Amino acid sequence: MALSPKGRRGYAAGALALVAALALSACGSDKGGSTSATSTASAAGGATAKLVNEGKLTVCTNIPYEPFQFQDAGGKIVGFDVDIMDLAAKKLGVTQEIVDIDFAVIKSGAAMAAKKCDAAAAGMTITDERKQNIDFSVPYFDATQALLAKKGTGATSLDDVKAKNLKLGAQASTTGLDYVKGKGLNPTEYADSAKELLALQAGQADVIVQDLPVVLTWLKKPEIAEKFEMIASLDTGEQYGVGLKKNADPVLLKAINDSIEAAKKDGTYEQIYVKWFGKKPGELS
């Protein structure tokens, strides 16, 4: 999923409205939502993390965003981000519970502020703009953007897309959208990655911009590879981070950071990376 972030997946007034609306809903009875009382979980060393639901690390995400988070054939939410957050949950001695919610509500910080979740793992790029509303973990994924086009356009760059007057699509509230707008293009915006891909398949767009790993995952499907191709990789230098509410609980933040850093040292991170991308870190292109 890249936003004004460096990678995916505004503004003040809208974010405040979202916080108010979510705060009200969080106070009522909400199956699967947060409880009115904050629970705790012990991290290594005996420190206690404050969690919105007892015995659970509640994580907001936005699906589908394969291979980071999506539903498998059995309806279970799986993916790279899910596995990364399972490590943090294990460190806290709890289990992960996932809440599927609009990406704009995640990046604005409204979801965490309203106690809908403890953290957000949604292919979210770390950006200065987002840091105004949420805190981030250490980076857990190096990301970049890519252009996916129907075959035969003859385009190999954003400049070509502009010169040929091709119809460009982008996912709303993402860094990919911000990036192409910064290059002087005015793409049609789609609510999520699935709708963006559908627009390309339906001919509503000639080219779409999306995070590279998502594009590569799409191209593994024969029906997509038959008609579409990646025409360019855009090195935007983005990194994903786990989002937490502003002025995050230091114990929770430390548990997430420690789990990511430990996984990178002991080889667990590489195993998860290969599982979902088929390549080792640094080899994705």
C-alpha atoms as a PDB file:
ATOM      1  CA  MET A   1       0.000   0.000   0.000  1.00  0.00           C
ATOM      2  CA  ALA A   2       2.574   4.479  -0.435  1.00  0.00           C
ATOM      3  CA  LEU A   3       1.195   7.889   0.763  1.00  0.00           C
ATOM      4  CA  SER A   4       2.836  11.173   0.872  1.00  0.00           C
ATOM      5  CA  PRO A   5       4.998   8.725   2.643  1.00  0.00           C
ATOM      6  CA  LYS A   6       7.982   7.580   0.899  1.00  0.00           C
ATOM      7  CA  GLY A   7       5.945   4.448  -0.431  1.00  0.00           C
ATOM      8  CA  ARG A   8       2.204   3.895   0.106  1.00  0.00           C
ATOM      9  CA  ARG A   9      -0.239   4.140   1.048  1.00  0.00           C
ATOM     10  CA  GLY A  10      -5.828  14.714   4.472  1.00  0.00           C
ATOM     11  CA  TYR A  11      -6.291  16.657   5.833  1.00  0.00           C
ATOM     12  CA  ALA A  12      -6.313  18.592   9.206  1.00  0.00           C
ATOM     13  CA  ALA A  13     -10.048  19.212   9.192  1.00  0.00           C
ATOM     14  CA  GLY A  14     -10.834  15.830   7.715  1.00  0.00           C
ATOM     15  CA  ALA A  15      -8.583  14.042  10.164  1.00  0.00           C
ATOM     16  CA  LEU A  16     -10.187  15.811  13.127  1.00  0.00           C
ATOM     17  CA  ALA A  17     -13.623  14.833  11.896  1.00  0.00           C
ATOM     18  CA  LEU A  18     -12.525  11.232  11.561  1.00  0.00           C
ATOM     19  CA  VAL A  19     -11.110  11.238  15.087  1.00  0.00           C
ATOM     20  CA  ALA A  20     -14.356  12.601  16.476  1.00  0.00           C
ATOM     21  CA  ALA A  21     -16.491  10.104  14.590  1.00  0.00           C
ATOM     22  CA  LEU A  22     -14.334   7.152  15.535  1.00  0.00           C
ATOM     23  CA  ALA A  23     -14.113   8.245  19.141  1.00  0.00           C
ATOM     24  CA  LEU A  24     -17.890   8.241  19.369  1.00  0.00           C
ATOM     25  CA  SER A  25     -18.156   4.783  17.842  1.00  0.00           C
ATOM     26  CA  ALA A  26     -15.465   3.474  20.150  1.00  0.00           C
ATOM     27  CA  CYS A  27     -17.577   4.402  23.174  1.00  0.00           C
ATOM     28  CA  GLY A  28     -20.541   2.279  22.126  1.00  0.00           C
ATOM     29  CA  SER A  29     -20.862  -1.470  21.887  1.00  0.00           C
ATOM     30  CA  ASP A  30     -18.711  -2.529  18.944  1.00  0.00           C
ATOM     31  CA  LYS A  31     -18.227  -6.215  18.192  1.00  0.00           C
ATOM     32  CA  GLY A  32     -14.590  -6.665  17.398  1.00  0.00           C
ATOM     33  CA  GLY A  33     -13.902  -3.045  18.280  1.00  0.00           C
ATOM     34  CA  SER A  34     -11.953  -1.714  21.225  1.00  0.00           C
ATOM     35  CA  THR A  35     -13.030  -2.038  24.818  1.00  0.00           C
ATOM     36  CA  SER A  36     -13.584   1.028  26.966  1.00  0.00           C
ATOM     37  CA  ALA A  37     -10.888  -0.087  29.405  1.00  0.00           C
ATOM     38  CA  THR A  38      -7.277  -0.312  28.341  1.00  0.00           C
ATOM     39  CA  SER A  39      -5.631  -3.675  29.028  1.00  0.00           C
ATOM     40  CA  THR A  40      -1.952  -4.437  29.467  1.00  0.00           C
ATOM     41  CA  ALA A  41       0.581  -6.953  28.212  1.00  0.00           C
ATOM     42  CA  SER A  42       4.030  -7.704  29.540  1.00  0.00           C
ATOM     43  CA  ALA A  43       7.006  -7.321  27.254  1.00  0.00           C
ATOM     44  CA  ALA A  44      10.430  -8.806  27.894  1.00  0.00           C
ATOM     45  CA  GLY A  45      11.944  -7.427  31.085  1.00  0.00           C
ATOM     46  CA  GLY A  46       8.592  -7.156  32.858  1.00  0.00           C
ATOM     47  CA  ALA A  47       7.554  -3.796  31.368  1.00  0.00           C
ATOM     48  CA  THR A  48       3.859  -3.480  30.606  1.00  0.00           C
ATOM     49  CA  ALA A  49       2.342  -2.288  27.317  1.00  0.00           C
ATOM     50  CA  LYS A  50      -1.092  -0.663  27.224  1.00  0.00           C
ATOM     51  CA  LEU A  51      -3.370  -2.396  24.733  1.00  0.00           C
ATOM     52  CA  VAL A  52      -6.908  -1.561  23.624  1.00  0.00           C
ATOM     53  CA  ASN A  53      -8.084  -5.188  23.857  1.00  0.00           C
ATOM     54  CA  GLU A  54      -7.116  -7.677  26.537  1.00  0.00           C
ATOM     55  CA  GLY A  55      -4.723 -10.382  25.392  1.00  0.00           C
ATOM     56  CA  LYS A  56      -4.490  -9.008  21.857  1.00  0.00           C
ATOM     57  CA  LEU A  57      -2.298  -6.758  19.768  1.00  0.00           C
ATOM     58  CA  THR A  58      -4.963  -5.087  17.647  1.00  0.00           C
ATOM     59  CA  VAL A  59      -3.559  -4.060  14.274  1.00  0.00           C
ATOM     60  CA  CYS A  60      -5.284  -1.861  11.698  1.00  0.00           C
ATOM     61  CA  THR A  61      -4.662  -2.549   8.032  1.00  0.00           C
ATOM     62  CA  ASN A  62      -6.299  -2.013   4.658  1.00  0.00           C
ATOM     63  CA  ILE A  63      -6.982  -5.000   2.428  1.00  0.00           C
ATOM     64  CA  PRO A  64      -6.442  -6.135  -0.197  1.00  0.00           C
ATOM     65  CA  TYR A  65      -2.795  -5.154  -0.556  1.00  0.00           C
ATOM     66  CA  GLU A  66      -1.113  -8.361  -1.656  1.00  0.00           C
ATOM     67  CA  PRO A  67       1.468  -9.547  -0.667  1.00  0.00           C
ATOM     68  CA  PHE A  68       1.510  -7.331   2.449  1.00  0.00           C
ATOM     69  CA  GLN A  69      -2.006  -8.093   3.650  1.00  0.00           C
ATOM     70  CA  PHE A  70      -4.855  -9.923   1.917  1.00  0.00           C
ATOM     71  CA  GLN A  71      -7.372 -12.715   2.402  1.00  0.00           C
ATOM     72  CA  ASP A  72      -6.299 -16.196   1.363  1.00  0.00           C
ATOM     73  CA  ALA A  73      -8.623 -18.777  -0.179  1.00  0.00           C
ATOM     74  CA  GLY A  74      -9.903 -19.683   3.268  1.00  0.00           C
ATOM     75  CA  GLY A  75     -10.740 -16.093   4.189  1.00  0.00           C
ATOM     76  CA  LYS A  76      -7.819 -15.704   6.596  1.00  0.00           C
ATOM     77  CA  ILE A  77      -5.881 -12.422   6.467  1.00  0.00           C
ATOM     78  CA  VAL A  78      -2.253 -13.217   5.675  1.00  0.00           C
ATOM     79  CA  GLY A  79       0.803 -11.478   4.252  1.00  0.00           C
ATOM     80  CA  PHE A  80       4.212 -10.001   4.942  1.00  0.00           C
ATOM     81  CA  ASP A  81       2.912  -7.314   7.299  1.00  0.00           C
ATOM     82  CA  VAL A  82       0.836  -9.889   9.172  1.00  0.00           C
ATOM     83  CA  ASP A  83       3.903 -12.051   9.808  1.00  0.00           C
ATOM     84  CA  ILE A  84       5.940  -9.040  10.952  1.00  0.00           C
ATOM     85  CA  MET A  85       3.278  -8.052  13.475  1.00  0.00           C
ATOM     86  CA  ASP A  86       2.946 -11.628  14.706  1.00  0.00           C
ATOM     87  CA  LEU A  87       6.543 -11.256  15.910  1.00  0.00           C
ATOM     88  CA  ALA A  88       5.605  -8.197  17.973  1.00  0.00           C
ATOM     89  CA  ALA A  89       2.543  -9.945  19.386  1.00  0.00           C
ATOM     90  CA  LYS A  90       4.655 -12.931  20.389  1.00  0.00           C
ATOM     91  CA  LYS A  91       7.114 -10.643  22.153  1.00  0.00           C
ATOM     92  CA  LEU A  92       4.237  -9.156  24.135  1.00  0.00           C
ATOM     93  CA  GLY A  93       2.821 -12.572  24.951  1.00  0.00           C
ATOM     94  CA  VAL A  94      -0.455 -11.929  23.124  1.00  0.00           C
ATOM     95  CA  THR A  95      -2.045 -12.774  19.771  1.00  0.00           C
ATOM     96  CA  GLN A  96      -2.600 -10.465  16.827  1.00  0.00           C
ATOM     97  CA  GLU A  97      -6.088  -9.335  15.881  1.00  0.00           C
ATOM     98  CA  ILE A  98      -6.522  -7.517  12.562  1.00  0.00           C
ATOM     99  CA  VAL A  99      -8.987  -4.720  11.836  1.00  0.00           C
ATOM    100  CA  ASP A 100      -9.608  -3.866   8.170  1.00  0.00           C
ATOM    101  CA  ILE A 101     -10.202  -0.124   7.897  1.00  0.00           C
ATOM    102  CA  ASP A 102      -9.890   2.667   5.337  1.00  0.00           C
ATOM    103  CA  PHE A 103      -6.299   3.663   4.676  1.00  0.00           C
ATOM    104  CA  ALA A 104      -7.025   7.389   5.038  1.00  0.00           C
ATOM    105  CA  VAL A 105      -8.209   6.741   8.601  1.00  0.00           C
ATOM    106  CA  ILE A 106      -4.959   4.910   9.306  1.00  0.00           C
ATOM    107  CA  LYS A 107      -2.554   7.481   7.902  1.00  0.00           C
ATOM    108  CA  SER A 108      -4.375  10.367   9.589  1.00  0.00           C
ATOM    109  CA  GLY A 109      -3.873   8.726  12.983  1.00  0.00           C
ATOM    110  CA  ALA A 110      -7.633   8.704  13.613  1.00  0.00           C
ATOM    111  CA  ALA A 111      -7.857   4.925  13.959  1.00  0.00           C
ATOM    112  CA  MET A 112      -5.260   4.752  16.731  1.00  0.00           C
ATOM    113  CA  ALA A 113      -6.461   7.937  18.434  1.00  0.00           C
ATOM    114  CA  ALA A 114      -9.961   6.452  18.687  1.00  0.00           C
ATOM    115  CA  LYS A 115      -8.542   3.186  20.100  1.00  0.00           C
ATOM    116  CA  LYS A 116      -9.674   1.122  17.140  1.00  0.00           C
ATOM    117  CA  CYS A 117      -6.228  -0.452  17.200  1.00  0.00           C
ATOM    118  CA  ASP A 118      -2.863  -0.367  18.947  1.00  0.00           C
ATOM    119  CA  ALA A 119      -0.832  -0.075  15.758  1.00  0.00           C
ATOM    120  CA  ALA A 120      -1.166  -0.036  11.988  1.00  0.00           C
ATOM    121  CA  ALA A 121       0.731  -2.220   9.527  1.00  0.00           C
ATOM    122  CA  ALA A 122      -0.556  -1.377   6.069  1.00  0.00           C
ATOM    123  CA  GLY A 123       2.368  -1.019   3.689  1.00  0.00           C
ATOM    124  CA  MET A 124       2.638   2.526   4.992  1.00  0.00           C
ATOM    125  CA  THR A 125       5.548   4.733   4.012  1.00  0.00           C
ATOM    126  CA  ILE A 126       7.223   6.831   6.666  1.00  0.00           C
ATOM    127  CA  THR A 127       6.881  10.517   5.782  1.00  0.00           C
ATOM    128  CA  ASP A 128       7.328  13.804   7.613  1.00  0.00           C
ATOM    129  CA  GLU A 129       3.705  14.687   6.907  1.00  0.00           C
ATOM    130  CA  ARG A 130       2.451  11.495   8.524  1.00  0.00           C
ATOM    131  CA  LYS A 131       4.778  11.926  11.472  1.00  0.00           C
ATOM    132  CA  GLN A 132       2.714  14.949  12.435  1.00  0.00           C
ATOM    133  CA  ASN A 133      -0.213  12.644  13.207  1.00  0.00           C
ATOM    134  CA  ILE A 134       1.344   9.305  14.162  1.00  0.00           C
ATOM    135  CA  ASP A 135       4.558   7.804  15.501  1.00  0.00           C
ATOM    136  CA  PHE A 136       6.461   5.192  13.498  1.00  0.00           C
ATOM    137  CA  SER A 137       8.479   2.132  14.360  1.00  0.00           C
ATOM    138  CA  VAL A 138      11.911   1.562  12.891  1.00  0.00           C
ATOM    139  CA  PRO A 139      11.649   0.883   9.128  1.00  0.00           C
ATOM    140  CA  TYR A 140      10.786  -2.706   8.274  1.00  0.00           C
ATOM    141  CA  PHE A 141      10.672  -2.598   4.456  1.00  0.00           C
ATOM    142  CA  ASP A 142      12.513  -0.683   1.720  1.00  0.00           C
ATOM    143  CA  ALA A 143       9.974   0.230  -0.937  1.00  0.00           C
ATOM    144  CA  THR A 144       9.729   1.857  -4.332  1.00  0.00           C
ATOM    145  CA  GLN A 145       7.070   2.513  -6.963  1.00  0.00           C
ATOM    146  CA  ALA A 146       6.382   0.993 -10.375  1.00  0.00           C
ATOM    147  CA  LEU A 147       4.273   1.679 -13.449  1.00  0.00           C
ATOM    148  CA  LEU A 148       2.027  -1.101 -14.760  1.00  0.00           C
ATOM    149  CA  ALA A 149       0.583  -0.611 -18.257  1.00  0.00           C
ATOM    150  CA  LYS A 150      -1.362  -2.443 -20.879  1.00  0.00           C
ATOM    151  CA  LYS A 151       0.989  -3.945 -23.433  1.00  0.00           C
ATOM    152  CA  GLY A 152       1.736  -1.923 -26.539  1.00  0.00           C
ATOM    153  CA  THR A 153       1.668   1.593 -25.125  1.00  0.00           C
ATOM    154  CA  GLY A 154       5.299   2.174 -26.091  1.00  0.00           C
ATOM    155  CA  ALA A 155       5.801   4.093 -22.850  1.00  0.00           C
ATOM    156  CA  THR A 156       8.819   3.418 -20.634  1.00  0.00           C
ATOM    157  CA  SER A 157       8.660   6.370 -18.232  1.00  0.00           C
ATOM    158  CA  LEU A 158       6.392   8.932 -16.623  1.00  0.00           C
ATOM    159  CA  ASP A 159       7.543  11.424 -19.241  1.00  0.00           C
ATOM    160  CA  ASP A 160       6.248   9.062 -21.938  1.00  0.00           C
ATOM    161  CA  VAL A 161       2.928   8.695 -20.116  1.00  0.00           C
ATOM    162  CA  LYS A 162       2.589  12.470 -20.159  1.00  0.00           C
ATOM    163  CA  ALA A 163       3.799  12.945 -23.739  1.00  0.00           C
ATOM    164  CA  LYS A 164       1.503  10.238 -25.096  1.00  0.00           C
ATOM    165  CA  ASN A 165      -1.426  11.586 -23.072  1.00  0.00           C
ATOM    166  CA  LEU A 166      -2.056   8.151 -21.556  1.00  0.00           C
ATOM    167  CA  LYS A 167      -4.728   7.757 -18.901  1.00  0.00           C
ATOM    168  CA  LEU A 168      -2.965   7.353 -15.551  1.00  0.00           C
ATOM    169  CA  GLY A 169      -4.467   5.850 -12.404  1.00  0.00           C
ATOM    170  CA  ALA A 170      -3.258   5.866  -8.792  1.00  0.00           C
ATOM    171  CA  GLN A 171      -4.462   4.690  -5.405  1.00  0.00           C
ATOM    172  CA  ALA A 172      -5.891   7.488  -3.290  1.00  0.00           C
ATOM    173  CA  SER A 173      -3.990   8.710  -0.225  1.00  0.00           C
ATOM    174  CA  THR A 174      -0.724   7.094  -1.285  1.00  0.00           C
ATOM    175  CA  THR A 175       2.833   8.200  -1.859  1.00  0.00           C
ATOM    176  CA  GLY A 176       2.562   6.890  -5.410  1.00  0.00           C
ATOM    177  CA  LEU A 177      -0.214   9.390  -6.028  1.00  0.00           C
ATOM    178  CA  ASP A 178       1.843  12.178  -4.473  1.00  0.00           C
ATOM    179  CA  TYR A 179       4.894  11.223  -6.507  1.00  0.00           C
ATOM    180  CA  VAL A 180       3.215  11.379  -9.922  1.00  0.00           C
ATOM    181  CA  LYS A 181       1.393  14.578  -9.008  1.00  0.00           C
ATOM    182  CA  GLY A 182       4.776  16.051  -8.120  1.00  0.00           C
ATOM    183  CA  LYS A 183       5.888  15.211 -11.669  1.00  0.00           C
ATOM    184  CA  GLY A 184       3.057  17.248 -13.118  1.00  0.00           C
ATOM    185  CA  LEU A 185       0.552  14.471 -13.840  1.00  0.00           C
ATOM    186  CA  ASN A 186      -3.086  14.426 -12.749  1.00  0.00           C
ATOM    187  CA  PRO A 187      -4.126  10.781 -12.321  1.00  0.00           C
ATOM    188  CA  THR A 188      -7.569   9.394 -11.653  1.00  0.00           C
ATOM    189  CA  GLU A 189      -7.737   8.229  -8.037  1.00  0.00           C
ATOM    190  CA  TYR A 190      -9.087   4.855  -6.917  1.00  0.00           C
ATOM    191  CA  ALA A 191     -10.068   3.894  -3.370  1.00  0.00           C
ATOM    192  CA  ASP A 192      -7.823   0.845  -3.092  1.00  0.00           C
ATOM    193  CA  SER A 193      -5.355  -1.256  -5.057  1.00  0.00           C
ATOM    194  CA  ALA A 194      -8.004  -3.743  -6.209  1.00  0.00           C
ATOM    195  CA  LYS A 195     -10.138  -0.985  -7.748  1.00  0.00           C
ATOM    196  CA  GLU A 196      -7.037   0.531  -9.319  1.00  0.00           C
ATOM    197  CA  LEU A 197      -6.140  -2.768 -11.008  1.00  0.00           C
ATOM    198  CA  LEU A 198      -9.735  -3.285 -12.115  1.00  0.00           C
ATOM    199  CA  ALA A 199      -9.688   0.157 -13.759  1.00  0.00           C
ATOM    200  CA  LEU A 200      -6.589  -0.849 -15.722  1.00  0.00           C
ATOM    201  CA  GLN A 201      -8.181  -4.138 -16.790  1.00  0.00           C
ATOM    202  CA  ALA A 202     -11.376  -2.369 -17.815  1.00  0.00           C
ATOM    203  CA  GLY A 203      -9.523   0.193 -19.940  1.00  0.00           C
ATOM    204  CA  GLN A 204     -10.414   3.115 -17.704  1.00  0.00           C
ATOM    205  CA  ALA A 205      -6.666   3.629 -17.233  1.00  0.00           C
ATOM    206  CA  ASP A 206      -3.771   2.902 -19.602  1.00  0.00           C
ATOM    207  CA  VAL A 207      -1.146   2.976 -16.839  1.00  0.00           C
ATOM    208  CA  ILE A 208      -1.269   2.779 -13.051  1.00  0.00           C
ATOM    209  CA  VAL A 209       1.312   3.581 -10.373  1.00  0.00           C
ATOM    210  CA  GLN A 210       1.627   1.244  -7.407  1.00  0.00           C
ATOM    211  CA  ASP A 211       4.237  -0.119  -5.001  1.00  0.00           C
ATOM    212  CA  LEU A 212       6.694  -2.385  -6.791  1.00  0.00           C
ATOM    213  CA  PRO A 213       6.061  -5.544  -4.704  1.00  0.00           C
ATOM    214  CA  VAL A 214       2.331  -5.258  -5.366  1.00  0.00           C
ATOM    215  CA  VAL A 215       2.900  -4.900  -9.110  1.00  0.00           C
ATOM    216  CA  LEU A 216       5.267  -7.895  -9.148  1.00  0.00           C
ATOM    217  CA  THR A 217       2.696  -9.975  -7.272  1.00  0.00           C
ATOM    218  CA  TRP A 218      -0.006  -9.056  -9.776  1.00  0.00           C
ATOM    219  CA  LEU A 219       2.261 -10.046 -12.674  1.00  0.00           C
ATOM    220  CA  LYS A 220       2.626 -13.557 -11.243  1.00  0.00           C
ATOM    221  CA  LYS A 221      -0.975 -14.143 -12.309  1.00  0.00           C
ATOM    222  CA  PRO A 222      -1.090 -15.383 -15.941  1.00  0.00           C
ATOM    223  CA  GLU A 223      -4.242 -13.453 -16.836  1.00  0.00           C
ATOM    224  CA  ILE A 224      -2.523 -10.194 -15.869  1.00  0.00           C
ATOM    225  CA  ALA A 225       0.917 -10.959 -17.306  1.00  0.00           C
ATOM    226  CA  GLU A 226      -0.745 -11.816 -20.624  1.00  0.00           C
ATOM    227  CA  LYS A 227      -2.117  -8.318 -21.156  1.00  0.00           C
ATOM    228  CA  PHE A 228      -0.062  -6.013 -18.959  1.00  0.00           C
ATOM    229  CA  GLU A 229       3.588  -5.223 -18.279  1.00  0.00           C
ATOM    230  CA  MET A 230       5.718  -3.217 -15.887  1.00  0.00           C
ATOM    231  CA  ILE A 231       7.148  -0.366 -17.923  1.00  0.00           C
ATOM    232  CA  ALA A 232       9.209   1.421 -15.273  1.00  0.00           C
ATOM    233  CA  SER A 233      10.469   1.242 -11.712  1.00  0.00           C
ATOM    234  CA  LEU A 234      10.475   4.545  -9.838  1.00  0.00           C
ATOM    235  CA  ASP A 235      13.194   4.693  -7.196  1.00  0.00           C
ATOM    236  CA  THR A 236      11.530   6.874  -4.590  1.00  0.00           C
ATOM    237  CA  GLY A 237      13.663   5.772  -1.627  1.00  0.00           C
ATOM    238  CA  GLU A 238      10.672   4.922   0.555  1.00  0.00           C
ATOM    239  CA  GLN A 239      10.560   2.856   3.730  1.00  0.00           C
ATOM    240  CA  TYR A 240       7.568   1.311   5.463  1.00  0.00           C
ATOM    241  CA  GLY A 241       7.002   1.646   9.192  1.00  0.00           C
ATOM    242  CA  VAL A 242       4.453   0.415  11.707  1.00  0.00           C
ATOM    243  CA  GLY A 243       2.230   3.305  12.764  1.00  0.00           C
ATOM    244  CA  LEU A 244       1.175   4.061  16.346  1.00  0.00           C
ATOM    245  CA  LYS A 245      -0.790   6.890  17.892  1.00  0.00           C
ATOM    246  CA  LYS A 246       1.080  10.135  18.479  1.00  0.00           C
ATOM    247  CA  ASN A 247       3.161  10.027  21.670  1.00  0.00           C
ATOM    248  CA  ALA A 248       2.965   6.251  21.568  1.00  0.00           C
ATOM    249  CA  ASP A 249       3.227   4.000  24.597  1.00  0.00           C
ATOM    250  CA  PRO A 250       7.022   3.567  24.870  1.00  0.00           C
ATOM    251  CA  VAL A 251       6.741  -0.076  25.960  1.00  0.00           C
ATOM    252  CA  LEU A 252       4.606  -0.978  22.940  1.00  0.00           C
ATOM    253  CA  LEU A 253       6.863   0.940  20.561  1.00  0.00           C
ATOM    254  CA  LYS A 254       9.962  -0.717  21.997  1.00  0.00           C
ATOM    255  CA  ALA A 255       8.413  -4.175  21.706  1.00  0.00           C
ATOM    256  CA  ILE A 256       7.632  -3.599  18.019  1.00  0.00           C
ATOM    257  CA  ASN A 257      11.075  -2.129  17.297  1.00  0.00           C
ATOM    258  CA  ASP A 258      12.873  -4.890  19.188  1.00  0.00           C
ATOM    259  CA  SER A 259      10.942  -7.614  17.378  1.00  0.00           C
ATOM    260  CA  ILE A 260      11.808  -6.130  13.961  1.00  0.00           C
ATOM    261  CA  GLU A 261      15.490  -5.642  14.796  1.00  0.00           C
ATOM    262  CA  ALA A 262      15.818  -9.105  16.373  1.00  0.00           C
ATOM    263  CA  ALA A 263      14.221 -10.718  13.294  1.00  0.00           C
ATOM    264  CA  LYS A 264      16.719  -8.974  11.028  1.00  0.00           C
ATOM    265  CA  LYS A 265      19.610 -10.257  13.147  1.00  0.00           C
ATOM    266  CA  ASP A 266      18.536 -13.875  13.632  1.00  0.00           C
ATOM    267  CA  GLY A 267      17.417 -14.571  10.051  1.00  0.00           C
ATOM    268  CA  THR A 268      13.666 -14.628  10.732  1.00  0.00           C
ATOM    269  CA  TYR A 269      13.116 -11.457   8.704  1.00  0.00           C
ATOM    270  CA  GLU A 270      14.858 -12.950   5.675  1.00  0.00           C
ATOM    271  CA  GLN A 271      12.736 -16.099   5.949  1.00  0.00           C
ATOM    272  CA  ILE A 272       9.531 -14.042   5.986  1.00  0.00           C
ATOM    273  CA  TYR A 273      10.790 -11.900   3.106  1.00  0.00           C
ATOM    274  CA  VAL A 274      11.596 -14.901   0.919  1.00  0.00           C
ATOM    275  CA  LYS A 275       8.245 -16.484   1.832  1.00  0.00           C
ATOM    276  CA  TRP A 276       6.268 -13.559   0.417  1.00  0.00           C
ATOM    277  CA  PHE A 277       8.530 -12.125  -2.291  1.00  0.00           C
ATOM    278  CA  GLY A 278      10.503 -15.139  -3.466  1.00  0.00           C
ATOM    279  CA  LYS A 279      13.748 -13.189  -3.136  1.00  0.00           C
ATOM    280  CA  LYS A 280      16.061 -12.043  -0.367  1.00  0.00           C
ATOM    281  CA  PRO A 281      16.078  -8.437   0.892  1.00  0.00           C
ATOM    282  CA  GLY A 282      17.844  -6.218  -1.631  1.00  0.00           C
ATOM    283  CA  GLU A 283      17.092  -8.507  -4.568  1.00  0.00           C
ATOM    284  CA  LEU A 284      13.585  -7.304  -5.354  1.00  0.00           C
ATOM    285  CA  SER A 285      13.365  -5.535  -8.691  1.00  0.00           C
END
